[in-house]
Amino acid sequence: MTGPTFLAFDVTKLPSTVTLEWQGRKLSIVCRRNPQMDRYTLDIYDASGAPIVFGRVLAYGRDALFGVAHVHTSGLGVMPFDPAWEDDGKDAGAETFMRTVLPYLIPRWE
C-alpha cells in the first residue's frame, strides 16, 4: 500500500465488515456504532477470528490505531477525514460518517 485506502463500510447494515490483507495477513475490520455517544468504533480480527483491537473510536483526523502495539497492525493506521473539505473539522458522527467524513487505511511509520 502506498497511500490511503478507502474503507467502504455500509452504515445502513451495522456491524459492517471490510476484509483485507495487510503485510501478508488477512484482517477483518469491523465498524460498529454507539448511538448514545454518536460515535463509530472499530474492531480488528485476524484470519482465525481472534480479536486484535476492540472498540477503538473513529474520530475525525485521528489515527484510531495510534498507540496500538501488535504485530498484525504494525505500520497500519485508520483515520476518518473529509477528502473534499466539505465538512472539515466535523466529527465522524451519524450526520457525516460515510457521507463526507470517510475512513481510510493509512500507512504509518513507526
N, C-alpha and C. Protein backbone atom coordinates (compact mmCIF):
# COMPACT_ATOMS: atom_id res chain seq x y z
N MET A 1 0.85 -1.18 0.00
CA MET A 1 0.00 0.00 0.00
C MET A 1 0.89 1.24 0.00
N THR A 2 0.60 2.16 -0.88
CA THR A 2 1.43 3.35 -0.97
C THR A 2 0.76 4.59 -0.41
N GLY A 3 -0.53 4.62 -0.39
CA GLY A 3 -1.26 5.79 0.10
C GLY A 3 -2.52 5.37 0.81
N PRO A 4 -3.37 6.34 1.15
CA PRO A 4 -4.62 6.00 1.84
C PRO A 4 -5.52 5.10 1.00
N THR A 5 -6.18 4.16 1.65
CA THR A 5 -7.12 3.25 1.01
C THR A 5 -8.47 3.39 1.69
N PHE A 6 -9.50 3.71 0.92
CA PHE A 6 -10.85 3.90 1.45
C PHE A 6 -11.40 2.60 2.02
N LEU A 7 -12.01 2.67 3.20
CA LEU A 7 -12.68 1.51 3.82
C LEU A 7 -14.19 1.68 3.62
N ALA A 8 -14.77 0.87 2.77
CA ALA A 8 -16.17 1.01 2.36
C ALA A 8 -17.12 0.29 3.31
N PHE A 9 -17.34 0.89 4.48
CA PHE A 9 -18.30 0.32 5.43
C PHE A 9 -19.72 0.68 5.00
N ASP A 10 -20.67 -0.21 5.26
CA ASP A 10 -22.08 0.05 4.98
C ASP A 10 -22.76 0.42 6.29
N VAL A 11 -22.95 1.71 6.53
CA VAL A 11 -23.52 2.15 7.81
C VAL A 11 -25.02 1.90 7.91
N THR A 12 -25.64 1.43 6.82
CA THR A 12 -27.06 1.07 6.89
C THR A 12 -27.23 -0.35 7.42
N LYS A 13 -26.14 -1.11 7.46
CA LYS A 13 -26.18 -2.50 7.95
C LYS A 13 -24.99 -2.73 8.89
N LEU A 14 -25.14 -2.26 10.12
CA LEU A 14 -24.06 -2.40 11.09
C LEU A 14 -24.30 -3.59 12.01
N PRO A 15 -23.28 -4.29 12.44
CA PRO A 15 -21.87 -4.02 12.13
C PRO A 15 -21.55 -4.35 10.68
N SER A 16 -20.61 -3.59 10.13
CA SER A 16 -20.17 -3.74 8.74
C SER A 16 -18.70 -4.14 8.73
N THR A 17 -18.36 -5.12 7.90
CA THR A 17 -17.00 -5.66 7.88
C THR A 17 -16.33 -5.44 6.53
N VAL A 18 -15.06 -5.02 6.59
CA VAL A 18 -14.20 -4.94 5.41
C VAL A 18 -13.05 -5.91 5.67
N THR A 19 -12.82 -6.82 4.73
CA THR A 19 -11.72 -7.78 4.87
C THR A 19 -10.62 -7.40 3.89
N LEU A 20 -9.39 -7.42 4.38
CA LEU A 20 -8.26 -7.04 3.53
C LEU A 20 -7.02 -7.80 3.96
N GLU A 21 -5.97 -7.65 3.17
CA GLU A 21 -4.70 -8.27 3.51
C GLU A 21 -3.71 -7.15 3.85
N TRP A 22 -3.01 -7.32 4.95
CA TRP A 22 -2.02 -6.35 5.41
C TRP A 22 -0.74 -7.10 5.77
N GLN A 23 0.34 -6.80 5.11
CA GLN A 23 1.64 -7.43 5.33
C GLN A 23 1.53 -8.96 5.30
N GLY A 24 0.76 -9.47 4.32
CA GLY A 24 0.61 -10.90 4.15
C GLY A 24 -0.36 -11.56 5.11
N ARG A 25 -1.06 -10.78 5.90
CA ARG A 25 -2.03 -11.33 6.87
C ARG A 25 -3.44 -10.84 6.53
N LYS A 26 -4.40 -11.75 6.63
CA LYS A 26 -5.80 -11.38 6.41
C LYS A 26 -6.33 -10.75 7.69
N LEU A 27 -6.94 -9.57 7.53
CA LEU A 27 -7.56 -8.86 8.65
C LEU A 27 -9.01 -8.55 8.31
N SER A 28 -9.87 -8.63 9.32
CA SER A 28 -11.26 -8.19 9.19
C SER A 28 -11.42 -6.96 10.06
N ILE A 29 -11.84 -5.86 9.45
CA ILE A 29 -12.05 -4.61 10.17
C ILE A 29 -13.56 -4.40 10.27
N VAL A 30 -14.06 -4.31 11.49
CA VAL A 30 -15.49 -4.22 11.73
C VAL A 30 -15.83 -2.84 12.28
N CYS A 31 -16.82 -2.19 11.67
CA CYS A 31 -17.30 -0.89 12.12
C CYS A 31 -18.63 -1.09 12.85
N ARG A 32 -18.73 -0.47 14.03
CA ARG A 32 -19.96 -0.51 14.82
C ARG A 32 -20.34 0.93 15.19
N ARG A 33 -21.57 1.12 15.66
CA ARG A 33 -22.00 2.45 16.09
C ARG A 33 -22.46 2.41 17.53
N ASN A 34 -22.03 3.42 18.28
CA ASN A 34 -22.51 3.63 19.64
C ASN A 34 -23.47 4.81 19.57
N PRO A 35 -24.78 4.55 19.52
CA PRO A 35 -25.75 5.64 19.32
C PRO A 35 -25.82 6.61 20.50
N GLN A 36 -25.54 6.14 21.71
CA GLN A 36 -25.59 7.03 22.87
C GLN A 36 -24.54 8.14 22.78
N MET A 37 -23.40 7.82 22.20
CA MET A 37 -22.32 8.79 22.09
C MET A 37 -22.19 9.35 20.67
N ASP A 38 -23.01 8.89 19.74
CA ASP A 38 -22.92 9.26 18.33
C ASP A 38 -21.49 9.07 17.83
N ARG A 39 -20.97 7.88 18.07
CA ARG A 39 -19.61 7.52 17.66
C ARG A 39 -19.62 6.20 16.93
N TYR A 40 -18.68 6.07 16.01
CA TYR A 40 -18.43 4.80 15.35
C TYR A 40 -17.14 4.23 15.92
N THR A 41 -17.12 2.92 16.06
CA THR A 41 -15.94 2.27 16.61
C THR A 41 -15.43 1.21 15.64
N LEU A 42 -14.22 0.76 15.93
CA LEU A 42 -13.51 -0.14 15.05
C LEU A 42 -13.00 -1.34 15.85
N ASP A 43 -13.22 -2.53 15.32
CA ASP A 43 -12.63 -3.76 15.85
C ASP A 43 -11.83 -4.37 14.72
N ILE A 44 -10.72 -5.02 15.05
CA ILE A 44 -9.93 -5.73 14.05
C ILE A 44 -9.70 -7.14 14.52
N TYR A 45 -9.92 -8.10 13.62
CA TYR A 45 -9.76 -9.53 13.91
C TYR A 45 -8.77 -10.14 12.93
N ASP A 46 -8.03 -11.16 13.39
CA ASP A 46 -7.12 -11.85 12.48
C ASP A 46 -7.89 -12.91 11.69
N ALA A 47 -7.19 -13.68 10.86
CA ALA A 47 -7.82 -14.65 9.96
C ALA A 47 -8.60 -15.72 10.71
N SER A 48 -8.20 -16.02 11.94
CA SER A 48 -8.90 -17.05 12.72
C SER A 48 -10.08 -16.48 13.50
N GLY A 49 -10.27 -15.16 13.43
CA GLY A 49 -11.37 -14.53 14.15
C GLY A 49 -10.99 -14.03 15.54
N ALA A 50 -9.72 -14.16 15.89
CA ALA A 50 -9.25 -13.68 17.20
C ALA A 50 -9.16 -12.15 17.17
N PRO A 51 -9.65 -11.47 18.22
CA PRO A 51 -9.60 -10.01 18.23
C PRO A 51 -8.17 -9.49 18.40
N ILE A 52 -7.86 -8.45 17.63
CA ILE A 52 -6.57 -7.77 17.74
C ILE A 52 -6.76 -6.46 18.48
N VAL A 53 -7.74 -5.68 18.05
CA VAL A 53 -8.15 -4.47 18.77
C VAL A 53 -9.67 -4.45 18.82
N PHE A 54 -10.20 -3.78 19.85
CA PHE A 54 -11.64 -3.79 20.04
C PHE A 54 -12.08 -2.42 20.57
N GLY A 55 -13.11 -1.86 19.93
CA GLY A 55 -13.74 -0.64 20.43
C GLY A 55 -12.95 0.63 20.25
N ARG A 56 -12.06 0.69 19.25
CA ARG A 56 -11.30 1.92 19.02
C ARG A 56 -12.21 2.95 18.35
N VAL A 57 -12.27 4.15 18.91
CA VAL A 57 -13.17 5.19 18.42
C VAL A 57 -12.62 5.81 17.13
N LEU A 58 -13.52 5.98 16.15
CA LEU A 58 -13.17 6.67 14.91
C LEU A 58 -13.49 8.15 15.10
N ALA A 59 -12.45 8.97 15.22
CA ALA A 59 -12.61 10.41 15.42
C ALA A 59 -11.91 11.15 14.28
N TYR A 60 -12.53 12.21 13.82
CA TYR A 60 -12.04 12.97 12.67
C TYR A 60 -10.56 13.35 12.83
N GLY A 61 -9.76 12.99 11.82
CA GLY A 61 -8.37 13.40 11.79
C GLY A 61 -7.46 12.70 12.78
N ARG A 62 -7.94 11.67 13.44
CA ARG A 62 -7.12 10.95 14.42
C ARG A 62 -6.98 9.49 14.01
N ASP A 63 -5.77 8.98 14.17
CA ASP A 63 -5.50 7.58 13.87
C ASP A 63 -6.10 6.71 14.97
N ALA A 64 -7.09 5.91 14.62
CA ALA A 64 -7.76 5.05 15.60
C ALA A 64 -6.83 3.98 16.17
N LEU A 65 -5.73 3.72 15.49
CA LEU A 65 -4.79 2.69 15.96
C LEU A 65 -3.55 3.28 16.62
N PHE A 66 -3.55 4.59 16.84
CA PHE A 66 -2.40 5.21 17.49
C PHE A 66 -2.21 4.59 18.88
N GLY A 67 -1.01 4.17 19.15
CA GLY A 67 -0.70 3.58 20.45
C GLY A 67 -0.92 2.09 20.54
N VAL A 68 -1.46 1.48 19.48
CA VAL A 68 -1.67 0.03 19.48
C VAL A 68 -0.39 -0.65 19.03
N ALA A 69 0.13 -1.51 19.87
CA ALA A 69 1.36 -2.25 19.54
C ALA A 69 0.99 -3.72 19.36
N HIS A 70 0.86 -4.12 18.10
CA HIS A 70 0.53 -5.51 17.79
C HIS A 70 1.18 -5.85 16.46
N VAL A 71 1.74 -7.02 16.35
CA VAL A 71 2.45 -7.42 15.13
C VAL A 71 1.55 -7.35 13.89
N HIS A 72 0.26 -7.63 14.03
CA HIS A 72 -0.64 -7.63 12.89
C HIS A 72 -0.99 -6.22 12.41
N THR A 73 -0.83 -5.21 13.27
CA THR A 73 -1.19 -3.85 12.88
C THR A 73 0.03 -2.95 12.73
N SER A 74 1.21 -3.50 12.76
CA SER A 74 2.44 -2.71 12.62
C SER A 74 2.41 -1.91 11.32
N GLY A 75 2.58 -0.61 11.42
CA GLY A 75 2.59 0.26 10.25
C GLY A 75 1.22 0.59 9.69
N LEU A 76 0.17 0.17 10.38
CA LEU A 76 -1.21 0.35 9.91
C LEU A 76 -1.92 1.41 10.73
N GLY A 77 -2.66 2.27 10.07
CA GLY A 77 -3.48 3.26 10.74
C GLY A 77 -4.84 3.33 10.08
N VAL A 78 -5.83 3.80 10.83
CA VAL A 78 -7.16 4.03 10.28
C VAL A 78 -7.59 5.42 10.73
N MET A 79 -7.87 6.29 9.75
CA MET A 79 -8.20 7.67 10.07
C MET A 79 -9.38 8.16 9.22
N PRO A 80 -10.43 8.68 9.87
CA PRO A 80 -11.50 9.30 9.11
C PRO A 80 -11.16 10.77 8.81
N PHE A 81 -11.37 11.18 7.58
CA PHE A 81 -11.21 12.59 7.24
C PHE A 81 -12.11 12.91 6.05
N ASP A 82 -12.22 14.17 5.74
CA ASP A 82 -13.09 14.66 4.67
C ASP A 82 -12.23 15.02 3.46
N PRO A 83 -12.12 14.11 2.48
CA PRO A 83 -11.23 14.37 1.35
C PRO A 83 -11.67 15.54 0.46
N ALA A 84 -12.94 15.92 0.51
CA ALA A 84 -13.44 17.02 -0.31
C ALA A 84 -13.49 18.34 0.47
N TRP A 85 -13.15 18.32 1.74
CA TRP A 85 -13.16 19.51 2.60
C TRP A 85 -14.55 20.12 2.72
N GLU A 86 -15.59 19.30 2.61
CA GLU A 86 -16.97 19.81 2.73
C GLU A 86 -17.34 20.07 4.18
N ASP A 87 -17.01 19.12 5.05
CA ASP A 87 -17.33 19.23 6.48
C ASP A 87 -16.06 19.16 7.30
N ASP A 88 -15.02 19.81 6.84
CA ASP A 88 -13.73 19.76 7.51
C ASP A 88 -13.85 20.14 8.98
N GLY A 89 -13.34 19.29 9.82
CA GLY A 89 -13.35 19.56 11.25
C GLY A 89 -14.54 18.99 11.98
N LYS A 90 -15.59 18.57 11.26
CA LYS A 90 -16.72 17.94 11.93
C LYS A 90 -16.32 16.53 12.33
N ASP A 91 -16.87 16.06 13.43
CA ASP A 91 -16.52 14.73 13.89
C ASP A 91 -17.19 13.66 13.03
N ALA A 92 -16.77 12.43 13.24
CA ALA A 92 -17.27 11.30 12.46
C ALA A 92 -18.52 10.72 13.11
N GLY A 93 -19.58 11.51 13.20
CA GLY A 93 -20.84 11.06 13.78
C GLY A 93 -21.82 10.66 12.70
N ALA A 94 -23.06 10.36 13.10
CA ALA A 94 -24.08 9.87 12.19
C ALA A 94 -24.38 10.86 11.05
N GLU A 95 -24.23 12.16 11.31
CA GLU A 95 -24.54 13.17 10.30
C GLU A 95 -23.53 13.16 9.15
N THR A 96 -22.27 12.84 9.43
CA THR A 96 -21.24 12.97 8.40
C THR A 96 -20.51 11.68 8.03
N PHE A 97 -20.47 10.69 8.95
CA PHE A 97 -19.68 9.49 8.69
C PHE A 97 -20.22 8.71 7.50
N MET A 98 -19.34 8.39 6.56
CA MET A 98 -19.62 7.69 5.31
C MET A 98 -20.43 8.54 4.34
N ARG A 99 -20.58 9.83 4.63
CA ARG A 99 -21.18 10.77 3.68
C ARG A 99 -20.09 11.72 3.20
N THR A 100 -19.58 12.52 4.11
CA THR A 100 -18.47 13.42 3.76
C THR A 100 -17.20 13.06 4.51
N VAL A 101 -17.34 12.55 5.73
CA VAL A 101 -16.18 12.11 6.51
C VAL A 101 -16.03 10.61 6.29
N LEU A 102 -14.91 10.24 5.66
CA LEU A 102 -14.71 8.85 5.22
C LEU A 102 -13.50 8.23 5.92
N PRO A 103 -13.60 6.92 6.25
CA PRO A 103 -12.47 6.25 6.91
C PRO A 103 -11.47 5.71 5.88
N TYR A 104 -10.20 5.93 6.17
CA TYR A 104 -9.13 5.44 5.29
C TYR A 104 -8.11 4.65 6.07
N LEU A 105 -7.61 3.62 5.44
CA LEU A 105 -6.46 2.89 5.92
C LEU A 105 -5.25 3.71 5.51
N ILE A 106 -4.39 4.01 6.45
CA ILE A 106 -3.22 4.84 6.14
C ILE A 106 -1.94 4.13 6.59
N PRO A 107 -0.88 4.27 5.81
CA PRO A 107 0.41 3.71 6.25
C PRO A 107 0.99 4.60 7.34
N ARG A 108 1.60 3.97 8.33
CA ARG A 108 2.23 4.70 9.43
C ARG A 108 3.70 4.34 9.49
N TRP A 109 4.48 5.29 9.88
CA TRP A 109 5.90 4.99 10.14
C TRP A 109 6.06 4.86 11.62
N GLU A 110 6.66 3.77 12.06
CA GLU A 110 6.81 3.50 13.49
C GLU A 110 8.16 3.95 13.98
